[in-house]
């Protein structure tokens, strides 16, 4: 049976941090589902301006539980996780994946969601430099590495880390991946 990965995002997601890991997961044989706050499409942020849109397949309110998914992917971008962390159902979804021990992969600013869900106390994580103090204040041990795995959590710093980030998630899901074969920013 194909493993299913939920991608939780909203407007302002860092385009490469959603599109490239999604492509890497799909190339590895996984099914992805984009979940957001509202129906329709969400628009990415591509470096210095709005980028491409992605179709929303389900809203957070349509997710009654996370049992049908094997992992959670949280793309970064400054706006995206800042908006999502203010939504109670989005944070509840993050907590549900953690309580089930399922992989949660968060890149760039997305570890804000892990802090909001109170999942990082005592964990080793990495993230975009400007939120590292927030993560430390939430009790995390913050390091500067391209991909950090601590239990079921996978974190990375920025779009340059997408191959290592994707590889860590693919391997946690039981597949093998060579970084040179993975899409990068």
Protein backbone atom coordinates (compact mmCIF):
# COMPACT_ATOMS: atom_id res chain seq x y z
CA UNK A 1 0.00 0.00 0.00
CA UNK A 2 1.30 3.43 -0.94
CA UNK A 3 2.30 5.65 1.95
CA UNK A 4 0.54 9.01 2.13
CA UNK A 5 2.15 12.28 3.17
CA UNK A 6 0.13 15.30 4.25
CA UNK A 7 1.60 18.66 3.25
CA UNK A 8 0.20 21.35 5.56
CA UNK A 9 0.60 24.83 4.08
CA UNK A 10 -1.14 28.10 3.32
CA UNK A 11 -0.53 31.27 1.29
CA UNK A 12 3.05 32.43 1.49
CA UNK A 13 4.70 29.01 1.63
CA UNK A 14 8.27 29.07 0.32
CA UNK A 15 7.69 27.70 -3.16
CA UNK A 16 10.80 25.53 -3.39
CA UNK A 17 10.22 24.10 0.10
CA UNK A 18 6.83 22.72 -0.88
CA UNK A 19 7.33 21.89 -4.56
CA UNK A 20 10.75 20.20 -4.42
CA UNK A 21 10.16 17.92 -1.41
CA UNK A 22 6.72 17.06 -2.83
CA UNK A 23 8.35 16.09 -6.16
CA UNK A 24 11.01 14.08 -4.33
CA UNK A 25 8.38 12.22 -2.30
CA UNK A 26 6.26 11.50 -5.37
CA UNK A 27 9.33 10.34 -7.32
CA UNK A 28 10.03 7.92 -4.44
CA UNK A 29 6.54 6.45 -4.86
CA UNK A 30 4.66 8.28 -2.11
CA UNK A 31 1.28 9.98 -2.43
CA UNK A 32 1.04 13.60 -1.28
CA UNK A 33 -2.02 15.60 -0.21
CA UNK A 34 -1.97 19.39 0.18
CA UNK A 35 -4.03 20.47 3.19
CA UNK A 36 -4.71 24.13 3.98
CA UNK A 37 -7.01 26.49 5.83
CA UNK A 38 -9.33 27.15 2.89
CA UNK A 39 -10.44 25.43 -0.29
CA UNK A 40 -9.15 26.41 -3.74
CA UNK A 41 -5.50 27.25 -4.22
CA UNK A 42 -2.68 28.60 -2.11
CA UNK A 43 0.00 30.87 -3.51
CA UNK A 44 3.70 30.32 -2.98
CA UNK A 45 6.38 32.89 -2.32
CA UNK A 46 9.31 32.59 -4.72
CA UNK A 47 12.32 34.43 -3.28
CA UNK A 48 11.18 38.08 -3.61
CA UNK A 49 7.65 37.88 -5.05
CA UNK A 50 4.57 35.73 -5.30
CA UNK A 51 5.15 32.47 -7.10
CA UNK A 52 3.01 29.60 -8.35
CA UNK A 53 -0.22 28.37 -6.85
CA UNK A 54 -0.92 24.85 -5.64
CA UNK A 55 -4.34 23.21 -5.47
CA UNK A 56 -5.67 22.49 -1.99
CA UNK A 57 -7.00 18.95 -1.80
CA UNK A 58 -8.47 19.17 1.72
CA UNK A 59 -8.95 21.79 4.40
CA UNK A 60 -7.80 21.36 8.00
CA UNK A 61 -11.47 21.19 9.01
CA UNK A 62 -12.00 18.23 6.67
CA UNK A 63 -9.29 16.23 8.46
CA UNK A 64 -11.11 14.42 11.26
CA UNK A 65 -7.99 12.48 12.21
CA UNK A 66 -4.56 11.79 10.77
CA UNK A 67 -4.75 7.99 10.71
CA UNK A 68 -4.88 7.92 6.89
CA UNK A 69 -1.48 9.60 6.60
CA UNK A 70 2.01 8.26 7.27
CA UNK A 71 3.94 11.55 7.63
CA UNK A 72 3.54 15.33 7.78
CA UNK A 73 5.54 17.78 5.66
CA UNK A 74 5.67 21.41 6.81
CA UNK A 75 7.19 23.77 4.22
CA UNK A 76 8.60 27.06 5.39
CA UNK A 77 8.43 30.59 4.18
CA UNK A 78 7.95 33.36 6.70
CA UNK A 79 4.22 33.97 6.17
CA UNK A 80 3.03 30.38 5.87
CA UNK A 81 3.93 28.98 9.32
CA UNK A 82 3.17 32.30 11.01
CA UNK A 83 -0.41 32.10 9.71
CA UNK A 84 -0.76 28.36 10.40
CA UNK A 85 0.44 28.61 14.00
CA UNK A 86 -2.55 30.86 14.76
CA UNK A 87 -5.01 28.14 13.64
CA UNK A 88 -6.02 25.73 16.40
CA UNK A 89 -6.89 22.86 14.03
CA UNK A 90 -3.55 23.17 12.19
CA UNK A 91 -1.68 22.91 15.50
CA UNK A 92 -3.90 20.01 16.58
CA UNK A 93 -2.94 18.17 13.36
CA UNK A 94 0.77 18.66 14.12
CA UNK A 95 0.20 17.30 17.64
CA UNK A 96 -1.78 14.31 16.32
CA UNK A 97 1.09 13.27 14.04
CA UNK A 98 3.49 13.54 16.96
CA UNK A 99 1.27 11.58 19.36
CA UNK A 100 1.08 8.81 16.74
CA UNK A 101 4.88 8.82 16.45
CA UNK A 102 4.68 9.61 12.73
CA UNK A 103 7.42 11.56 10.94
CA UNK A 104 7.07 15.34 10.92
CA UNK A 105 9.43 17.19 8.56
CA UNK A 106 9.69 20.97 9.03
CA UNK A 107 12.00 23.25 7.04
CA UNK A 108 13.06 26.91 7.32
CA UNK A 109 10.44 28.81 9.40
CA UNK A 110 8.14 25.77 9.75
CA UNK A 111 9.69 24.64 13.07
CA UNK A 112 7.66 27.54 14.52
CA UNK A 113 4.73 25.12 14.23
CA UNK A 114 6.62 22.52 16.24
CA UNK A 115 7.26 25.12 18.95
CA UNK A 116 3.62 26.23 18.91
CA UNK A 117 2.54 22.59 19.29
CA UNK A 118 4.96 22.27 22.25
CA UNK A 119 6.90 19.41 20.63
CA UNK A 120 10.52 20.57 20.80
CA UNK A 121 11.39 20.84 24.48
CA UNK A 122 14.52 18.76 24.94
CA UNK A 123 14.75 17.99 21.19
CA UNK A 124 17.61 18.89 18.85
CA UNK A 125 16.40 20.91 15.86
CA UNK A 126 17.55 23.36 13.23
CA UNK A 127 15.76 26.16 11.35
CA UNK A 128 16.12 29.47 9.58
CA UNK A 129 18.48 31.67 11.67
CA UNK A 130 15.88 34.31 12.58
CA UNK A 131 13.67 31.84 14.49
CA UNK A 132 16.40 29.95 16.32
CA UNK A 133 15.98 32.07 19.46
CA UNK A 134 12.25 31.26 19.45
CA UNK A 135 13.10 27.55 19.28
CA UNK A 136 15.66 27.88 22.10
CA UNK A 137 13.05 29.69 24.18
CA UNK A 138 10.69 26.75 23.56
CA UNK A 139 13.30 24.46 25.11
CA UNK A 140 15.01 23.05 22.02
CA UNK A 141 18.69 22.41 21.49
CA UNK A 142 19.26 24.35 18.25
CA UNK A 143 22.11 23.43 15.91
CA UNK A 144 23.24 24.66 12.49
CA UNK A 145 23.10 21.57 10.23
CA UNK A 146 21.42 20.86 6.90
CA UNK A 147 19.13 18.17 8.32
CA UNK A 148 18.55 17.14 11.91
CA UNK A 149 16.64 14.03 12.95
CA UNK A 150 15.52 13.69 16.56
CA UNK A 151 12.97 10.94 17.13
CA UNK A 152 10.14 11.49 14.65
CA UNK A 153 11.13 15.12 13.93
CA UNK A 154 13.16 16.16 10.88
CA UNK A 155 14.21 19.80 10.57
CA UNK A 156 16.25 21.75 8.03
CA UNK A 157 17.40 25.36 7.62
CA UNK A 158 16.65 26.60 4.10
CA UNK A 159 16.04 25.70 0.43
CA UNK A 160 19.69 24.65 -0.03
CA UNK A 161 18.98 21.81 2.43
CA UNK A 162 16.08 20.32 0.41
CA UNK A 163 18.03 17.26 -0.83
CA UNK A 164 19.16 16.30 2.70
CA UNK A 165 15.72 17.16 4.12
CA UNK A 166 13.94 15.04 1.50
CA UNK A 167 16.41 12.18 1.94
CA UNK A 168 15.86 12.11 5.71
CA UNK A 169 12.06 11.95 5.31
CA UNK A 170 12.16 9.35 2.53
CA UNK A 171 14.47 7.17 4.61
CA UNK A 172 12.33 7.57 7.74
CA UNK A 173 9.43 6.29 5.62
CA UNK A 174 11.42 3.17 4.79
CA UNK A 175 12.80 3.95 1.33
CA UNK A 176 16.35 4.68 0.26
CA UNK A 177 17.34 7.87 -1.51
CA UNK A 178 20.53 9.25 -2.96
CA UNK A 179 20.90 13.01 -2.45
CA UNK A 180 22.29 13.45 -5.95
CA UNK A 181 19.00 12.15 -7.41
CA UNK A 182 16.79 14.52 -5.41
CA UNK A 183 15.45 17.83 -6.59
CA UNK A 184 17.01 20.88 -5.00
CA UNK A 185 16.13 24.55 -4.86
